Amino acid sequence: MAFKGRKKRLGFRRFIDSFGYSIEGLKYAYLNEQSMIIHGVITILVIIFGIIFKISTMEWLFCVSMFGFVMGAELLNTAIEAVVDMVMPDIHPLAKIAKDTASAAVFILSVVAFIVGAIIFFPRFYAFFISLIGG
């Protein structure tokens, strides 16, 4: 193995550099992954509606957790796709399984996030629209 016995550089500078690498990863994902843009727009909308409807602290915790889970999963999906494409540039059934299941994980978390959002926001939207029509 090429890395056996190799020690990682430690220290404050490495710690600071790691933030830069993380920002590079986020930048790549937002520039190259349509799903990240969609998740970002939905996050902004949820924040706006959360402020408008004055959701509770507990509801904010659920929303913020869902933001992190979905976007984190999307970043892992992007990483898995990149590694699979690097080691298996040709179409292979196992490569397809790896990419599809990573994508499915994002899908499942997105559905759960949607359900959480619906539980939090549907009653508020319903009450708002009922008040508009005078019901």
N, C-alpha and C. Protein backbone atom coordinates (compact mmCIF):
# COMPACT_ATOMS: atom_id res chain seq x y z
N MET A 1 0.85 -1.19 0.00
CA MET A 1 0.00 0.00 0.00
C MET A 1 0.89 1.24 0.00
N ALA A 2 0.58 2.19 -0.81
CA ALA A 2 1.43 3.37 -1.01
C ALA A 2 1.52 4.26 0.22
N PHE A 3 0.49 4.29 1.06
CA PHE A 3 0.47 5.22 2.18
C PHE A 3 0.86 4.59 3.50
N LYS A 4 1.20 3.33 3.49
CA LYS A 4 1.54 2.64 4.73
C LYS A 4 2.77 3.28 5.36
N GLY A 5 2.66 3.64 6.61
CA GLY A 5 3.77 4.23 7.33
C GLY A 5 3.90 5.74 7.12
N ARG A 6 3.15 6.30 6.22
CA ARG A 6 3.22 7.74 5.97
C ARG A 6 2.44 8.48 7.04
N LYS A 7 3.09 9.47 7.65
CA LYS A 7 2.42 10.25 8.69
C LYS A 7 1.83 11.51 8.08
N LYS A 8 0.66 11.85 8.53
CA LYS A 8 0.04 13.09 8.10
C LYS A 8 0.69 14.25 8.83
N ARG A 9 0.77 15.35 8.12
CA ARG A 9 1.27 16.58 8.72
C ARG A 9 0.23 17.06 9.73
N LEU A 10 0.66 17.44 10.90
CA LEU A 10 -0.23 17.92 11.94
C LEU A 10 0.07 19.38 12.24
N GLY A 11 -0.86 20.03 12.89
CA GLY A 11 -0.59 21.39 13.34
C GLY A 11 -1.69 22.36 12.94
N PHE A 12 -1.51 23.59 13.42
CA PHE A 12 -2.50 24.62 13.22
C PHE A 12 -2.67 24.97 11.75
N ARG A 13 -1.55 25.04 11.02
CA ARG A 13 -1.63 25.40 9.60
C ARG A 13 -2.44 24.37 8.82
N ARG A 14 -2.24 23.09 9.11
CA ARG A 14 -3.01 22.04 8.45
C ARG A 14 -4.49 22.18 8.78
N PHE A 15 -4.77 22.51 10.04
CA PHE A 15 -6.15 22.72 10.48
C PHE A 15 -6.79 23.85 9.68
N ILE A 16 -6.10 24.96 9.54
CA ILE A 16 -6.60 26.11 8.78
C ILE A 16 -6.77 25.73 7.30
N ASP A 17 -5.77 25.03 6.74
CA ASP A 17 -5.85 24.61 5.34
C ASP A 17 -7.06 23.73 5.08
N SER A 18 -7.45 22.91 6.06
CA SER A 18 -8.58 22.00 5.87
C SER A 18 -9.87 22.76 5.60
N PHE A 19 -10.01 23.96 6.17
CA PHE A 19 -11.19 24.76 5.87
C PHE A 19 -11.21 25.17 4.40
N GLY A 20 -10.05 25.51 3.88
CA GLY A 20 -9.94 25.88 2.47
C GLY A 20 -10.33 24.73 1.56
N TYR A 21 -9.88 23.51 1.92
CA TYR A 21 -10.23 22.35 1.12
C TYR A 21 -11.74 22.10 1.15
N SER A 22 -12.34 22.29 2.31
CA SER A 22 -13.78 22.12 2.44
C SER A 22 -14.53 23.14 1.59
N ILE A 23 -14.08 24.37 1.60
CA ILE A 23 -14.69 25.42 0.78
C ILE A 23 -14.55 25.07 -0.71
N GLU A 24 -13.38 24.56 -1.10
CA GLU A 24 -13.18 24.13 -2.49
C GLU A 24 -14.18 23.04 -2.88
N GLY A 25 -14.42 22.09 -1.96
CA GLY A 25 -15.38 21.03 -2.23
C GLY A 25 -16.79 21.57 -2.38
N LEU A 26 -17.19 22.49 -1.50
CA LEU A 26 -18.51 23.11 -1.61
C LEU A 26 -18.64 23.89 -2.91
N LYS A 27 -17.60 24.64 -3.24
CA LYS A 27 -17.61 25.43 -4.47
C LYS A 27 -17.76 24.52 -5.68
N TYR A 28 -17.00 23.43 -5.70
CA TYR A 28 -17.10 22.47 -6.81
C TYR A 28 -18.54 21.95 -6.92
N ALA A 29 -19.10 21.53 -5.77
CA ALA A 29 -20.44 20.93 -5.79
C ALA A 29 -21.48 21.94 -6.28
N TYR A 30 -21.40 23.18 -5.82
CA TYR A 30 -22.38 24.17 -6.25
C TYR A 30 -22.21 24.57 -7.71
N LEU A 31 -20.99 24.49 -8.23
CA LEU A 31 -20.75 24.84 -9.63
C LEU A 31 -21.04 23.69 -10.59
N ASN A 32 -21.01 22.45 -10.08
CA ASN A 32 -21.09 21.29 -10.97
C ASN A 32 -22.25 20.34 -10.69
N GLU A 33 -22.91 20.49 -9.58
CA GLU A 33 -23.99 19.56 -9.23
C GLU A 33 -25.31 20.32 -9.13
N GLN A 34 -26.19 20.07 -10.09
CA GLN A 34 -27.48 20.74 -10.13
C GLN A 34 -28.27 20.52 -8.84
N SER A 35 -28.15 19.33 -8.27
CA SER A 35 -28.88 19.01 -7.04
C SER A 35 -28.48 19.93 -5.89
N MET A 36 -27.21 20.29 -5.81
CA MET A 36 -26.76 21.18 -4.73
C MET A 36 -27.41 22.55 -4.86
N ILE A 37 -27.57 23.02 -6.08
CA ILE A 37 -28.23 24.31 -6.30
C ILE A 37 -29.69 24.21 -5.85
N ILE A 38 -30.35 23.13 -6.22
CA ILE A 38 -31.75 22.93 -5.81
C ILE A 38 -31.84 22.87 -4.29
N HIS A 39 -30.97 22.10 -3.64
CA HIS A 39 -30.98 22.02 -2.17
C HIS A 39 -30.72 23.39 -1.55
N GLY A 40 -29.81 24.15 -2.14
CA GLY A 40 -29.50 25.49 -1.63
C GLY A 40 -30.70 26.43 -1.74
N VAL A 41 -31.39 26.39 -2.87
CA VAL A 41 -32.57 27.25 -3.06
C VAL A 41 -33.67 26.85 -2.07
N ILE A 42 -33.89 25.56 -1.92
CA ILE A 42 -34.91 25.10 -0.97
C ILE A 42 -34.54 25.51 0.46
N THR A 43 -33.27 25.41 0.80
CA THR A 43 -32.82 25.84 2.13
C THR A 43 -33.13 27.31 2.36
N ILE A 44 -32.84 28.14 1.38
CA ILE A 44 -33.12 29.58 1.50
C ILE A 44 -34.62 29.82 1.66
N LEU A 45 -35.44 29.12 0.88
CA LEU A 45 -36.89 29.27 0.99
C LEU A 45 -37.40 28.85 2.36
N VAL A 46 -36.88 27.73 2.87
CA VAL A 46 -37.30 27.26 4.19
C VAL A 46 -36.90 28.28 5.26
N ILE A 47 -35.72 28.85 5.14
CA ILE A 47 -35.30 29.87 6.11
C ILE A 47 -36.23 31.09 6.04
N ILE A 48 -36.55 31.54 4.85
CA ILE A 48 -37.45 32.69 4.69
C ILE A 48 -38.81 32.39 5.29
N PHE A 49 -39.40 31.22 4.94
CA PHE A 49 -40.72 30.89 5.48
C PHE A 49 -40.66 30.61 6.99
N GLY A 50 -39.54 30.08 7.47
CA GLY A 50 -39.39 29.88 8.91
C GLY A 50 -39.42 31.19 9.67
N ILE A 51 -38.78 32.21 9.09
CA ILE A 51 -38.80 33.54 9.71
C ILE A 51 -40.20 34.15 9.62
N ILE A 52 -40.82 34.07 8.45
CA ILE A 52 -42.16 34.64 8.25
C ILE A 52 -43.17 34.00 9.21
N PHE A 53 -43.14 32.66 9.32
CA PHE A 53 -44.12 31.96 10.14
C PHE A 53 -43.67 31.79 11.60
N LYS A 54 -42.50 32.32 11.92
CA LYS A 54 -42.00 32.28 13.30
C LYS A 54 -42.04 30.86 13.89
N ILE A 55 -41.37 29.92 13.19
CA ILE A 55 -41.36 28.54 13.67
C ILE A 55 -40.60 28.46 15.00
N SER A 56 -40.89 27.45 15.76
CA SER A 56 -40.30 27.30 17.10
C SER A 56 -38.84 26.87 17.02
N THR A 57 -38.18 26.95 18.14
CA THR A 57 -36.77 26.52 18.23
C THR A 57 -36.64 25.06 17.84
N MET A 58 -37.54 24.22 18.32
CA MET A 58 -37.50 22.79 17.99
C MET A 58 -37.68 22.58 16.49
N GLU A 59 -38.59 23.33 15.89
CA GLU A 59 -38.80 23.21 14.45
C GLU A 59 -37.57 23.68 13.67
N TRP A 60 -36.92 24.74 14.15
CA TRP A 60 -35.66 25.18 13.53
C TRP A 60 -34.61 24.08 13.62
N LEU A 61 -34.54 23.40 14.77
CA LEU A 61 -33.56 22.32 14.92
C LEU A 61 -33.81 21.21 13.90
N PHE A 62 -35.07 20.86 13.68
CA PHE A 62 -35.39 19.85 12.68
C PHE A 62 -35.01 20.34 11.28
N CYS A 63 -35.35 21.59 10.97
CA CYS A 63 -35.03 22.12 9.63
C CYS A 63 -33.53 22.16 9.39
N VAL A 64 -32.80 22.69 10.34
CA VAL A 64 -31.34 22.80 10.18
C VAL A 64 -30.71 21.42 10.08
N SER A 65 -31.21 20.47 10.87
CA SER A 65 -30.70 19.09 10.78
C SER A 65 -30.94 18.52 9.39
N MET A 66 -32.12 18.74 8.86
CA MET A 66 -32.43 18.24 7.52
C MET A 66 -31.54 18.89 6.47
N PHE A 67 -31.28 20.22 6.60
CA PHE A 67 -30.37 20.88 5.67
C PHE A 67 -29.03 20.15 5.67
N GLY A 68 -28.49 19.93 6.86
CA GLY A 68 -27.18 19.29 6.99
C GLY A 68 -27.17 17.86 6.46
N PHE A 69 -28.19 17.09 6.80
CA PHE A 69 -28.24 15.70 6.35
C PHE A 69 -28.31 15.61 4.83
N VAL A 70 -29.21 16.38 4.23
CA VAL A 70 -29.39 16.29 2.78
C VAL A 70 -28.16 16.80 2.04
N MET A 71 -27.65 17.96 2.44
CA MET A 71 -26.48 18.50 1.74
C MET A 71 -25.23 17.66 1.99
N GLY A 72 -25.09 17.16 3.21
CA GLY A 72 -23.97 16.27 3.49
C GLY A 72 -24.03 15.00 2.65
N ALA A 73 -25.22 14.43 2.54
CA ALA A 73 -25.40 13.23 1.71
C ALA A 73 -25.11 13.54 0.25
N GLU A 74 -25.54 14.72 -0.21
CA GLU A 74 -25.28 15.11 -1.60
C GLU A 74 -23.78 15.24 -1.86
N LEU A 75 -23.06 15.79 -0.90
CA LEU A 75 -21.60 15.91 -1.05
C LEU A 75 -20.94 14.52 -1.06
N LEU A 76 -21.40 13.63 -0.19
CA LEU A 76 -20.86 12.25 -0.20
C LEU A 76 -21.20 11.56 -1.52
N ASN A 77 -22.39 11.77 -2.03
CA ASN A 77 -22.78 11.21 -3.32
C ASN A 77 -21.84 11.70 -4.42
N THR A 78 -21.55 12.99 -4.41
CA THR A 78 -20.64 13.57 -5.41
C THR A 78 -19.25 12.95 -5.28
N ALA A 79 -18.78 12.77 -4.05
CA ALA A 79 -17.46 12.16 -3.83
C ALA A 79 -17.43 10.72 -4.33
N ILE A 80 -18.48 9.97 -4.03
CA ILE A 80 -18.55 8.57 -4.48
C ILE A 80 -18.57 8.51 -6.00
N GLU A 81 -19.35 9.37 -6.63
CA GLU A 81 -19.40 9.38 -8.10
C GLU A 81 -18.03 9.70 -8.69
N ALA A 82 -17.32 10.65 -8.09
CA ALA A 82 -16.00 11.03 -8.60
C ALA A 82 -15.01 9.87 -8.48
N VAL A 83 -15.02 9.19 -7.35
CA VAL A 83 -14.09 8.07 -7.15
C VAL A 83 -14.44 6.92 -8.10
N VAL A 84 -15.73 6.63 -8.23
CA VAL A 84 -16.14 5.55 -9.13
C VAL A 84 -15.73 5.88 -10.56
N ASP A 85 -15.96 7.12 -10.99
CA ASP A 85 -15.57 7.52 -12.35
C ASP A 85 -14.05 7.45 -12.55
N MET A 86 -13.30 7.75 -11.49
CA MET A 86 -11.84 7.71 -11.59
C MET A 86 -11.33 6.28 -11.75
N VAL A 87 -11.85 5.36 -10.95
CA VAL A 87 -11.33 3.99 -10.98
C VAL A 87 -12.02 3.11 -12.02
N MET A 88 -13.20 3.54 -12.49
CA MET A 88 -13.95 2.73 -13.45
C MET A 88 -14.53 3.65 -14.52
N PRO A 89 -13.69 4.13 -15.43
CA PRO A 89 -14.20 5.06 -16.45
C PRO A 89 -15.19 4.40 -17.41
N ASP A 90 -15.11 3.09 -17.57
CA ASP A 90 -16.06 2.38 -18.43
C ASP A 90 -17.28 1.97 -17.61
N ILE A 91 -18.39 1.77 -18.28
CA ILE A 91 -19.61 1.35 -17.60
C ILE A 91 -19.42 -0.07 -17.06
N HIS A 92 -19.74 -0.23 -15.78
CA HIS A 92 -19.62 -1.52 -15.12
C HIS A 92 -20.82 -1.66 -14.18
N PRO A 93 -21.41 -2.85 -14.08
CA PRO A 93 -22.59 -3.02 -13.22
C PRO A 93 -22.35 -2.63 -11.77
N LEU A 94 -21.17 -2.93 -11.21
CA LEU A 94 -20.89 -2.58 -9.82
C LEU A 94 -20.70 -1.06 -9.65
N ALA A 95 -20.12 -0.43 -10.66
CA ALA A 95 -19.98 1.03 -10.62
C ALA A 95 -21.36 1.68 -10.62
N LYS A 96 -22.26 1.14 -11.43
CA LYS A 96 -23.63 1.65 -11.48
C LYS A 96 -24.32 1.48 -10.14
N ILE A 97 -24.14 0.33 -9.51
CA ILE A 97 -24.74 0.09 -8.20
C ILE A 97 -24.22 1.09 -7.18
N ALA A 98 -22.92 1.34 -7.17
CA ALA A 98 -22.34 2.29 -6.22
C ALA A 98 -22.93 3.68 -6.42
N LYS A 99 -22.99 4.11 -7.67
CA LYS A 99 -23.50 5.45 -7.95
C LYS A 99 -25.00 5.56 -7.68
N ASP A 100 -25.75 4.53 -8.07
CA ASP A 100 -27.20 4.57 -7.88
C ASP A 100 -27.59 4.52 -6.41
N THR A 101 -26.90 3.70 -5.63
CA THR A 101 -27.26 3.60 -4.21
C THR A 101 -26.85 4.88 -3.46
N ALA A 102 -25.75 5.49 -3.84
CA ALA A 102 -25.37 6.77 -3.22
C ALA A 102 -26.42 7.83 -3.54
N SER A 103 -26.88 7.83 -4.77
CA SER A 103 -27.93 8.76 -5.18
C SER A 103 -29.24 8.45 -4.44
N ALA A 104 -29.53 7.18 -4.24
CA ALA A 104 -30.75 6.79 -3.52
C ALA A 104 -30.71 7.28 -2.08
N ALA A 105 -29.54 7.29 -1.47
CA ALA A 105 -29.42 7.79 -0.09
C ALA A 105 -29.82 9.26 -0.03
N VAL A 106 -29.39 10.04 -1.00
CA VAL A 106 -29.77 11.45 -1.06
C VAL A 106 -31.28 11.57 -1.27
N PHE A 107 -31.81 10.73 -2.15
CA PHE A 107 -33.25 10.76 -2.43
C PHE A 107 -34.06 10.47 -1.16
N ILE A 108 -33.66 9.43 -0.43
CA ILE A 108 -34.38 9.06 0.81
C ILE A 108 -34.34 10.22 1.81
N LEU A 109 -33.16 10.80 2.01
CA LEU A 109 -33.05 11.92 2.94
C LEU A 109 -33.85 13.12 2.47
N SER A 110 -33.90 13.34 1.16
CA SER A 110 -34.69 14.45 0.62
C SER A 110 -36.18 14.23 0.86
N VAL A 111 -36.64 13.01 0.69
CA VAL A 111 -38.05 12.70 0.96
C VAL A 111 -38.37 12.91 2.44
N VAL A 112 -37.49 12.45 3.31
CA VAL A 112 -37.70 12.64 4.75
C VAL A 112 -37.71 14.14 5.08
N ALA A 113 -36.79 14.89 4.49
CA ALA A 113 -36.75 16.34 4.72
C ALA A 113 -38.03 17.00 4.23
N PHE A 114 -38.55 16.55 3.09
CA PHE A 114 -39.81 17.08 2.58
C PHE A 114 -40.94 16.80 3.57
N ILE A 115 -41.00 15.58 4.09
CA ILE A 115 -42.05 15.21 5.06
C ILE A 115 -41.94 16.07 6.31
N VAL A 116 -40.73 16.24 6.82
CA VAL A 116 -40.52 17.10 8.00
C VAL A 116 -40.99 18.52 7.69
N GLY A 117 -40.61 19.04 6.53
CA GLY A 117 -41.04 20.38 6.13
C GLY A 117 -42.54 20.48 6.00
N ALA A 118 -43.17 19.45 5.44
CA ALA A 118 -44.63 19.46 5.30
C ALA A 118 -45.32 19.47 6.66
N ILE A 119 -44.80 18.68 7.59
CA ILE A 119 -45.38 18.65 8.94
C ILE A 119 -45.27 20.02 9.60
N ILE A 120 -44.14 20.68 9.40
CA ILE A 120 -43.93 21.99 10.03
C ILE A 120 -44.70 23.09 9.31
N PHE A 121 -44.67 23.11 7.99
CA PHE A 121 -45.18 24.26 7.25
C PHE A 121 -46.60 24.12 6.71
N PHE A 122 -47.07 22.91 6.41
CA PHE A 122 -48.40 22.77 5.81
C PHE A 122 -49.49 23.42 6.66
N PRO A 123 -49.54 23.17 7.97
CA PRO A 123 -50.60 23.81 8.77
C PRO A 123 -50.53 25.34 8.71
N ARG A 124 -49.34 25.89 8.64
CA ARG A 124 -49.19 27.35 8.58
C ARG A 124 -49.66 27.89 7.22
N PHE A 125 -49.26 27.21 6.13
CA PHE A 125 -49.72 27.63 4.81
C PHE A 125 -51.24 27.50 4.70
N TYR A 126 -51.76 26.41 5.22
CA TYR A 126 -53.20 26.18 5.19
C TYR A 126 -53.93 27.30 5.91
N ALA A 127 -53.50 27.61 7.13
CA ALA A 127 -54.13 28.68 7.92
C ALA A 127 -54.01 30.03 7.20
N PHE A 128 -52.87 30.26 6.59
CA PHE A 128 -52.66 31.52 5.86
C PHE A 128 -53.62 31.65 4.68
N PHE A 129 -53.75 30.59 3.88
CA PHE A 129 -54.63 30.65 2.72
C PHE A 129 -56.11 30.69 3.12
N ILE A 130 -56.45 30.00 4.19
CA ILE A 130 -57.83 30.06 4.70
C ILE A 130 -58.14 31.48 5.14
N SER A 131 -57.19 32.14 5.80
CA SER A 131 -57.42 33.53 6.23
C SER A 131 -57.55 34.48 5.04
N LEU A 132 -56.87 34.16 3.94
CA LEU A 132 -56.96 35.00 2.73
C LEU A 132 -58.34 34.93 2.09
N ILE A 133 -58.93 33.74 2.10
CA ILE A 133 -60.23 33.58 1.43
C ILE A 133 -61.39 33.84 2.40
N GLY A 134 -61.03 34.18 3.62
CA GLY A 134 -62.06 34.56 4.59
C GLY A 134 -62.80 33.40 5.22
N GLY A 135 -62.10 32.26 5.33
CA GLY A 135 -62.75 31.08 5.89
C GLY A 135 -62.56 30.95 7.29
